[in-house]
Amino acid sequence: MKMLKHAEEKCYHCEVCGSLFRTKSALQIHVRTHTGEKPYCCEICDSSFTDKSQLTVHMRRHTGVKPYGCHMCGSSFTTHPELVLHVRTHTGEKPYSCQMCTASFIKKDSLKKHILTHNKEKSYSCKVCGSSFASEADLKMHMHNHVGEKPYSCEVCGSSFARKYDLKRHILIHTGEKPYSCEVCGSSFTQKSSLKTHIKIHTGEKPYSCDVCGSSFRGQSKLTVHMRTHTGEKPYSCEVCGSSFTEKSNLTVHRRIHTGEKPYSCEVCLLSFIRKDDLNIHIQNHTGVKPHACNVCGSSFPRKTQLKKHMRTHSGEKPYSCDMCGSAFRDKSNLTAHKRIHTKDKPFACEYCYSSFTEKSSLTVHMRLHTGEYYYSSLLSSVKV
């Protein structure tokens, strides 16, 4: 260690990297980043730290002490920097601005991630398929897809994983443990990355921007999926009927149409559903809860998307247009059904006589001819009491 004089101020100089410090103790702490020395150890979990103050902050994770309180909403935090970030969700302050576009952010880390969307530098390439990645770790993770090696197995269900970390994360599904909690609303998650993405709901941060349309997203994965709406890419295909999807989760749900699997069951009436969202909506039939209300006519709906569709009946908006004849529709599903008039596509087939239809509702009506439901309902309506 060498002591240098600059403008009558004592500065302590690191001989390894050249950094300057005002105090000898600050230099000593810094040198430990080079030597790897961590003399301050936690007695509970064996974590170790270069600085005593870091240990003090760490201990609050075990004790639950949160000495820094928000005077606006009462939320409390372990460290002062966490409080500063939180206060910005109230004030709207976003001090970190991108010099390439107009985006601004609450945290410096979010700005750094955002800048990568402009640079798009991916210097690590896969020799098997040519895919490129921003880091060597991402490339190594990708290589497992080619090798197929999954040495870590779950003792509960037998699922296997390429990384030990992925196995640990998977086990939380069985234990129900959600160790990562949001300090704003109390929501908890099995993964730290899920918590980080969730927190952006409160902060309003969307650091990942689309170069084509300017839409912004909270996570890189969301941006990747969104880009497929521009490229038309649908990399996940059904091996039964050939339907393709932009997301793997959509393919998983679609496959249940063929297998008949309905993993989500109602505890009240025992009806089962393909998707969890469908179950949640169904449960509202029992509870009567319809949280999304129309401010024009007072109608209420279980889902926000249903309210959005309803609002178009007042506004007259028809955002979905047919590129063949120009007809416009309020709902995307109506446009999809309409296009079959042009394509002559009839995907709904009768299993008895092989008649096919453009809409599922038409098939449902047709099926009554085979089941006899139409005959008996007509007969009952003709009987005079």
Protein backbone atom coordinates (compact mmCIF):
# COMPACT_ATOMS: atom_id res chain seq x y z
CA MET A 1 0.00 0.00 0.00
CA LYS A 2 1.26 3.45 -0.89
CA MET A 3 0.04 6.81 0.37
CA LEU A 4 -0.22 9.62 -2.19
CA LYS A 5 -0.87 13.34 -1.70
CA HIS A 6 -3.40 15.09 -3.94
CA ALA A 7 -4.34 18.69 -3.15
CA GLU A 8 -3.30 18.29 0.51
CA GLU A 9 -5.64 15.29 0.84
CA LYS A 10 -4.32 11.88 1.88
CA CYS A 11 -5.27 9.16 -0.60
CA TYR A 12 -4.56 5.48 -0.18
CA HIS A 13 -3.64 3.71 -3.39
CA CYS A 14 -4.36 0.05 -4.29
CA GLU A 15 -1.23 -1.47 -5.83
CA VAL A 16 -3.27 -4.11 -7.67
CA CYS A 17 -5.82 -2.05 -9.63
CA GLY A 18 -4.87 1.57 -8.92
CA SER A 19 -8.09 2.56 -7.11
CA LEU A 20 -7.80 5.45 -4.61
CA PHE A 21 -9.38 5.69 -1.14
CA ARG A 22 -9.63 8.46 1.46
CA THR A 23 -9.06 6.18 4.46
CA LYS A 24 -6.74 3.30 5.22
CA SER A 25 -9.64 1.14 6.43
CA ALA A 26 -11.47 1.61 3.11
CA LEU A 27 -8.36 0.47 1.25
CA GLN A 28 -8.02 -2.59 3.51
CA ILE A 29 -11.63 -3.61 2.78
CA HIS A 30 -11.05 -3.09 -0.93
CA VAL A 31 -7.87 -5.20 -1.00
CA ARG A 32 -9.92 -8.16 0.22
CA THR A 33 -11.73 -8.15 -3.15
CA HIS A 34 -8.38 -9.11 -4.66
CA THR A 35 -7.20 -11.53 -1.96
CA GLY A 36 -10.59 -13.20 -1.49
CA GLU A 37 -10.37 -12.75 2.28
CA LYS A 38 -13.76 -12.67 4.05
CA PRO A 39 -13.09 -12.44 7.80
CA TYR A 40 -16.69 -11.71 8.93
CA CYS A 41 -18.78 -14.90 9.10
CA CYS A 42 -22.48 -15.48 9.79
CA GLU A 43 -23.03 -17.92 12.66
CA ILE A 44 -26.36 -19.05 11.23
CA CYS A 45 -25.67 -19.92 7.57
CA ASP A 46 -21.85 -19.70 7.28
CA SER A 47 -21.96 -16.88 4.70
CA SER A 48 -18.85 -14.69 4.92
CA PHE A 49 -18.14 -11.06 4.04
CA THR A 50 -15.25 -8.67 3.45
CA ASP A 51 -16.79 -5.91 5.58
CA LYS A 52 -18.43 -5.97 9.02
CA SER A 53 -21.23 -3.70 7.79
CA GLN A 54 -22.11 -6.28 5.12
CA LEU A 55 -22.47 -8.91 7.84
CA THR A 56 -24.72 -6.55 9.82
CA VAL A 57 -27.03 -6.12 6.84
CA HIS A 58 -26.97 -9.87 6.13
CA MET A 59 -28.02 -10.72 9.70
CA ARG A 60 -31.22 -8.75 9.16
CA ARG A 61 -32.25 -11.41 6.64
CA HIS A 62 -32.28 -13.91 9.50
CA THR A 63 -33.73 -11.68 12.22
CA GLY A 64 -36.31 -10.02 9.98
CA VAL A 65 -35.28 -6.55 11.14
CA LYS A 66 -36.20 -3.83 8.61
CA PRO A 67 -35.13 -0.50 10.10
CA TYR A 68 -35.84 1.68 7.05
CA GLY A 69 -39.51 2.63 6.70
CA CYS A 70 -41.37 4.38 3.87
CA HIS A 71 -43.28 7.43 5.17
CA MET A 72 -45.74 7.20 2.27
CA CYS A 73 -47.08 3.64 2.54
CA GLY A 74 -45.45 2.19 5.68
CA SER A 75 -43.43 -0.52 3.88
CA SER A 76 -40.13 -1.31 5.58
CA PHE A 77 -36.78 -2.43 4.17
CA THR A 78 -33.55 -4.07 5.26
CA THR A 79 -31.21 -1.45 3.76
CA HIS A 80 -31.38 2.25 2.95
CA PRO A 81 -30.69 1.73 -0.80
CA GLU A 82 -33.74 -0.57 -0.96
CA LEU A 83 -35.83 2.18 0.61
CA VAL A 84 -34.50 4.73 -1.90
CA LEU A 85 -35.52 2.49 -4.81
CA HIS A 86 -38.94 1.92 -3.28
CA VAL A 87 -39.63 5.64 -2.74
CA ARG A 88 -39.12 6.17 -6.47
CA THR A 89 -42.20 3.99 -7.11
CA HIS A 90 -44.17 6.73 -5.35
CA THR A 91 -42.36 9.76 -6.79
CA GLY A 92 -41.99 8.37 -10.30
CA GLU A 93 -38.32 9.36 -10.35
CA LYS A 94 -36.26 7.48 -12.95
CA PRO A 95 -32.73 8.92 -12.77
CA TYR A 96 -31.05 6.48 -15.17
CA SER A 97 -31.74 7.38 -18.81
CA CYS A 98 -30.80 5.59 -22.02
CA GLN A 99 -28.79 7.78 -24.41
CA MET A 100 -29.98 5.75 -27.42
CA CYS A 101 -33.74 6.11 -26.81
CA THR A 102 -36.12 7.86 -24.43
CA ALA A 103 -36.36 5.00 -21.91
CA SER A 104 -35.48 5.76 -18.28
CA PHE A 105 -35.19 3.54 -15.23
CA ILE A 106 -35.28 3.50 -11.45
CA LYS A 107 -32.23 1.25 -11.11
CA LYS A 108 -28.84 1.42 -12.81
CA ASP A 109 -28.87 -2.36 -13.34
CA SER A 110 -32.10 -2.07 -15.32
CA LEU A 111 -30.49 0.52 -17.59
CA LYS A 112 -27.50 -1.79 -18.18
CA LYS A 113 -29.81 -4.65 -19.21
CA HIS A 114 -31.77 -2.31 -21.45
CA ILE A 115 -28.62 -1.10 -23.25
CA LEU A 116 -27.88 -4.72 -24.21
CA THR A 117 -31.11 -4.70 -26.26
CA HIS A 118 -29.53 -1.96 -28.39
CA ASN A 119 -26.09 -3.52 -28.62
CA LYS A 120 -27.33 -7.08 -29.17
CA GLU A 121 -23.72 -8.30 -28.90
CA LYS A 122 -23.59 -12.11 -28.71
CA SER A 123 -20.00 -13.28 -29.02
CA TYR A 124 -20.39 -16.90 -27.84
CA SER A 125 -21.61 -19.21 -30.62
CA CYS A 126 -22.78 -22.83 -30.56
CA LYS A 127 -20.73 -25.00 -32.95
CA VAL A 128 -23.64 -27.44 -33.33
CA CYS A 129 -26.55 -25.21 -34.40
CA GLY A 130 -25.00 -21.74 -34.75
CA SER A 131 -27.03 -20.07 -31.98
CA SER A 132 -25.17 -17.21 -30.29
CA PHE A 133 -25.21 -15.99 -26.69
CA ALA A 134 -24.14 -12.97 -24.69
CA SER A 135 -22.20 -14.98 -22.08
CA GLU A 136 -20.21 -18.21 -21.87
CA ALA A 137 -22.53 -19.43 -19.09
CA ASP A 138 -25.55 -19.09 -21.40
CA LEU A 139 -23.73 -21.06 -24.10
CA LYS A 140 -22.85 -23.87 -21.65
CA MET A 141 -26.47 -24.05 -20.54
CA HIS A 142 -27.58 -24.22 -24.18
CA MET A 143 -25.19 -27.10 -24.95
CA HIS A 144 -27.19 -29.36 -22.62
CA ASN A 145 -29.95 -29.29 -25.27
CA HIS A 146 -27.63 -31.04 -27.72
CA VAL A 147 -25.88 -33.41 -25.33
CA GLY A 148 -29.09 -34.40 -23.60
CA GLU A 149 -27.24 -35.03 -20.34
CA LYS A 150 -29.44 -34.60 -17.26
CA PRO A 151 -27.57 -36.03 -14.26
CA TYR A 152 -29.76 -34.52 -11.50
CA SER A 153 -33.00 -36.42 -10.81
CA CYS A 154 -35.98 -35.62 -8.57
CA GLU A 155 -36.66 -38.37 -6.02
CA VAL A 156 -40.36 -37.44 -5.88
CA CYS A 157 -41.45 -37.54 -9.53
CA GLY A 158 -38.36 -38.73 -11.41
CA SER A 159 -37.88 -35.57 -13.50
CA SER A 160 -34.24 -35.01 -14.44
CA PHE A 161 -32.26 -31.81 -14.98
CA ALA A 162 -28.99 -30.69 -16.53
CA ARG A 163 -28.08 -28.47 -13.58
CA LYS A 164 -28.22 -29.04 -9.82
CA TYR A 165 -29.67 -25.54 -9.46
CA ASP A 166 -32.62 -26.48 -11.71
CA LEU A 167 -33.31 -29.56 -9.57
CA LYS A 168 -33.33 -27.48 -6.38
CA ARG A 169 -35.75 -25.04 -7.99
CA HIS A 170 -37.97 -27.92 -9.18
CA ILE A 171 -38.17 -29.50 -5.70
CA LEU A 172 -39.87 -26.32 -4.45
CA ILE A 173 -42.89 -27.33 -6.58
CA HIS A 174 -43.32 -30.43 -4.40
CA THR A 175 -42.60 -28.76 -1.05
CA GLY A 176 -44.75 -25.72 -1.84
CA GLU A 177 -42.00 -23.50 -0.50
CA LYS A 178 -41.86 -19.96 -1.91
CA PRO A 179 -38.82 -18.35 -0.27
CA TYR A 180 -38.78 -15.12 -2.28
CA SER A 181 -41.35 -12.58 -1.07
CA CYS A 182 -42.31 -9.15 -2.42
CA GLU A 183 -41.89 -6.46 0.23
CA VAL A 184 -44.54 -4.29 -1.43
CA CYS A 185 -47.56 -6.61 -1.74
CA GLY A 186 -46.48 -9.83 0.02
CA SER A 187 -46.64 -12.11 -3.05
CA SER A 188 -44.17 -14.99 -2.83
CA PHE A 189 -42.31 -16.97 -5.48
CA THR A 190 -40.25 -20.14 -5.87
CA GLN A 191 -37.61 -18.36 -7.97
CA LYS A 192 -35.64 -15.19 -7.32
CA SER A 193 -35.90 -14.28 -11.01
CA SER A 194 -39.71 -14.45 -10.78
CA LEU A 195 -39.62 -12.06 -7.83
CA LYS A 196 -37.38 -9.64 -9.75
CA THR A 197 -39.79 -9.68 -12.70
CA HIS A 198 -42.76 -9.22 -10.35
CA ILE A 199 -41.20 -6.22 -8.61
CA LYS A 200 -41.17 -4.41 -11.95
CA ILE A 201 -44.98 -4.37 -11.77
CA HIS A 202 -44.62 -2.01 -8.80
CA THR A 203 -41.73 0.00 -10.20
CA GLY A 204 -43.18 0.21 -13.71
CA GLU A 205 -39.85 -0.81 -15.22
CA LYS A 206 -39.85 -2.38 -18.67
CA PRO A 207 -36.17 -2.43 -19.68
CA TYR A 208 -36.52 -4.69 -22.75
CA SER A 209 -37.69 -2.82 -25.86
CA CYS A 210 -38.77 -4.04 -29.31
CA ASP A 211 -36.77 -2.43 -32.13
CA VAL A 212 -39.68 -2.91 -34.55
CA CYS A 213 -42.71 -1.40 -32.78
CA GLY A 214 -41.27 0.12 -29.60
CA SER A 215 -43.21 -2.10 -27.19
CA SER A 216 -41.38 -2.68 -23.90
CA PHE A 217 -41.36 -5.65 -21.55
CA ARG A 218 -40.30 -6.55 -18.02
CA GLY A 219 -38.27 -9.61 -19.04
CA GLN A 220 -36.03 -10.73 -21.92
CA SER A 221 -38.15 -13.87 -22.42
CA LYS A 222 -41.28 -11.76 -22.95
CA LEU A 223 -39.47 -9.69 -25.57
CA THR A 224 -38.25 -12.87 -27.32
CA VAL A 225 -41.83 -14.20 -27.55
CA HIS A 226 -43.11 -10.80 -28.71
CA MET A 227 -40.56 -10.62 -31.54
CA ARG A 228 -42.17 -13.75 -33.02
CA THR A 229 -45.31 -11.70 -33.70
CA HIS A 230 -43.17 -9.71 -36.17
CA THR A 231 -41.14 -12.58 -37.61
CA GLY A 232 -44.05 -15.05 -37.73
CA GLU A 233 -41.85 -17.67 -36.09
CA LYS A 234 -43.73 -20.48 -34.29
CA PRO A 235 -41.01 -22.89 -33.14
CA TYR A 236 -43.20 -25.21 -31.06
CA SER A 237 -45.22 -27.68 -33.18
CA CYS A 238 -47.82 -30.29 -32.24
CA GLU A 239 -46.78 -33.75 -33.43
CA VAL A 240 -50.45 -34.84 -33.66
CA CYS A 241 -52.09 -32.15 -35.81
CA GLY A 242 -49.20 -29.91 -36.88
CA SER A 243 -50.45 -26.75 -35.15
CA SER A 244 -47.56 -24.48 -34.18
CA PHE A 245 -47.13 -21.92 -31.39
CA THR A 246 -44.88 -19.07 -30.36
CA GLU A 247 -44.54 -20.35 -26.77
CA LYS A 248 -43.84 -23.81 -25.37
CA SER A 249 -46.51 -23.30 -22.68
CA ASN A 250 -49.16 -22.81 -25.38
CA LEU A 251 -48.12 -26.10 -27.00
CA THR A 252 -48.35 -27.86 -23.63
CA VAL A 253 -51.91 -26.61 -23.16
CA HIS A 254 -52.82 -27.47 -26.77
CA ARG A 255 -51.64 -31.09 -26.40
CA ARG A 256 -54.30 -31.60 -23.72
CA ILE A 257 -56.95 -31.21 -26.43
CA HIS A 258 -55.63 -34.45 -27.96
CA THR A 259 -54.90 -36.31 -24.72
CA GLY A 260 -58.09 -35.19 -22.96
CA GLU A 261 -56.06 -34.24 -19.90
CA LYS A 262 -57.75 -31.69 -17.63
CA PRO A 263 -55.45 -31.24 -14.64
CA TYR A 264 -57.28 -28.34 -12.95
CA SER A 265 -60.41 -29.40 -11.03
CA CYS A 266 -63.06 -27.36 -9.22
CA GLU A 267 -63.40 -28.37 -5.56
CA VAL A 268 -67.06 -27.28 -5.52
CA CYS A 269 -68.59 -29.10 -8.50
CA LEU A 270 -65.64 -31.30 -9.62
CA LEU A 271 -65.60 -29.91 -13.17
CA SER A 272 -62.08 -30.04 -14.63
CA PHE A 273 -60.28 -27.76 -17.05
CA ILE A 274 -57.32 -27.73 -19.41
CA ARG A 275 -55.98 -24.39 -18.15
CA LYS A 276 -55.67 -22.94 -14.66
CA ASP A 277 -57.03 -19.61 -15.92
CA ASP A 278 -60.21 -21.38 -17.05
CA LEU A 279 -60.61 -22.90 -13.57
CA ASN A 280 -60.13 -19.50 -11.90
CA ILE A 281 -62.82 -17.98 -14.12
CA HIS A 282 -65.13 -20.93 -13.47
CA ILE A 283 -64.75 -20.58 -9.69
CA GLN A 284 -66.17 -17.06 -9.99
CA ASN A 285 -69.45 -18.68 -11.09
CA HIS A 286 -69.67 -20.12 -7.57
CA THR A 287 -68.40 -17.04 -5.73
CA GLY A 288 -70.20 -14.52 -7.95
CA VAL A 289 -67.11 -12.31 -7.94
CA LYS A 290 -66.81 -10.08 -11.03
CA PRO A 291 -64.12 -7.52 -10.16
CA HIS A 292 -63.92 -5.75 -13.53
CA ALA A 293 -66.78 -3.28 -14.00
CA CYS A 294 -67.73 -1.15 -17.03
CA ASN A 295 -67.88 2.56 -16.16
CA VAL A 296 -70.41 3.16 -18.95
CA CYS A 297 -73.21 0.67 -18.28
CA GLY A 298 -72.15 -0.98 -15.02
CA SER A 299 -71.75 -4.50 -16.43
CA SER A 300 -69.10 -6.50 -14.60
CA PHE A 301 -66.83 -9.32 -15.71
CA PRO A 302 -64.57 -11.99 -14.14
CA ARG A 303 -61.62 -11.09 -16.37
CA LYS A 304 -60.05 -7.81 -17.44
CA THR A 305 -59.80 -9.08 -21.03
CA GLN A 306 -63.58 -9.62 -21.06
CA LEU A 307 -64.10 -6.03 -19.92
CA LYS A 308 -61.81 -4.78 -22.72
CA LYS A 309 -63.87 -6.68 -25.32
CA HIS A 310 -67.09 -5.36 -23.80
CA MET A 311 -65.86 -1.75 -23.93
CA ARG A 312 -65.65 -2.06 -27.71
CA THR A 313 -69.45 -2.39 -27.82
CA HIS A 314 -69.56 1.18 -26.50
CA SER A 315 -66.63 2.62 -28.45
CA GLY A 316 -67.44 0.81 -31.70
CA GLU A 317 -63.77 -0.12 -32.02
CA LYS A 318 -63.02 -3.07 -34.29
CA PRO A 319 -59.23 -3.52 -34.16
CA TYR A 320 -59.05 -6.87 -35.97
CA SER A 321 -59.28 -6.55 -39.77
CA CYS A 322 -59.39 -9.22 -42.48
CA ASP A 323 -56.51 -8.74 -44.92
CA MET A 324 -58.54 -10.41 -47.69
CA CYS A 325 -61.82 -8.46 -47.70
CA GLY A 326 -61.36 -5.67 -45.16
CA SER A 327 -64.07 -6.82 -42.75
CA ALA A 328 -63.36 -5.71 -39.17
CA PHE A 329 -64.15 -7.38 -35.85
CA ARG A 330 -64.11 -6.54 -32.15
CA ASP A 331 -62.65 -9.91 -31.17
CA LYS A 332 -59.65 -11.75 -32.62
CA SER A 333 -61.48 -15.09 -32.41
CA ASN A 334 -64.24 -13.72 -34.64
CA LEU A 335 -61.63 -12.68 -37.21
CA THR A 336 -60.07 -16.15 -37.07
CA ALA A 337 -63.49 -17.77 -37.71
CA HIS A 338 -64.23 -15.28 -40.51
CA LYS A 339 -60.98 -16.05 -42.36
CA ARG A 340 -62.12 -19.65 -42.77
CA ILE A 341 -64.75 -18.38 -45.19
CA HIS A 342 -61.88 -17.39 -47.48
CA THR A 343 -59.59 -20.35 -46.81
CA LYS A 344 -62.44 -22.92 -46.81
CA ASP A 345 -60.80 -24.39 -43.71
CA LYS A 346 -63.18 -26.54 -41.64
CA PRO A 347 -61.17 -27.77 -38.63
CA PHE A 348 -64.13 -29.08 -36.58
CA ALA A 349 -65.05 -32.57 -37.82
CA CYS A 350 -67.86 -34.90 -36.78
CA GLU A 351 -66.60 -38.26 -35.55
CA TYR A 352 -69.76 -40.03 -36.75
CA CYS A 353 -70.30 -38.88 -40.35
CA TYR A 354 -67.15 -36.86 -41.08
CA SER A 355 -69.03 -33.63 -41.77
CA SER A 356 -66.79 -30.64 -40.99
CA PHE A 357 -67.46 -27.07 -39.93
CA THR A 358 -65.73 -23.71 -39.71
CA GLU A 359 -66.87 -23.12 -36.10
CA LYS A 360 -67.06 -25.38 -33.06
CA SER A 361 -70.56 -24.13 -32.23
CA SER A 362 -71.80 -25.40 -35.61
CA LEU A 363 -70.32 -28.82 -34.84
CA THR A 364 -72.03 -28.83 -31.43
CA VAL A 365 -75.43 -28.19 -33.05
CA HIS A 366 -74.73 -30.86 -35.69
CA MET A 367 -73.81 -33.48 -33.06
CA ARG A 368 -77.37 -33.31 -31.66
CA LEU A 369 -78.59 -35.03 -34.82
CA HIS A 370 -76.53 -38.07 -33.85
CA THR A 371 -77.12 -37.98 -30.08
CA GLY A 372 -80.89 -37.46 -30.43
CA GLU A 373 -80.76 -34.37 -28.24
CA TYR A 374 -82.40 -32.25 -30.96
CA TYR A 375 -85.23 -34.77 -31.48
CA TYR A 376 -86.17 -35.01 -27.80
CA SER A 377 -85.96 -31.25 -27.18
CA SER A 378 -88.25 -30.67 -30.22
CA LEU A 379 -90.63 -33.36 -28.98
CA LEU A 380 -90.85 -31.84 -25.50
CA SER A 381 -91.47 -28.36 -26.89
CA SER A 382 -94.40 -29.71 -28.95
CA VAL A 383 -96.13 -31.26 -25.93
CA LYS A 384 -98.85 -28.99 -24.55
CA VAL A 385 -99.36 -29.04 -20.81
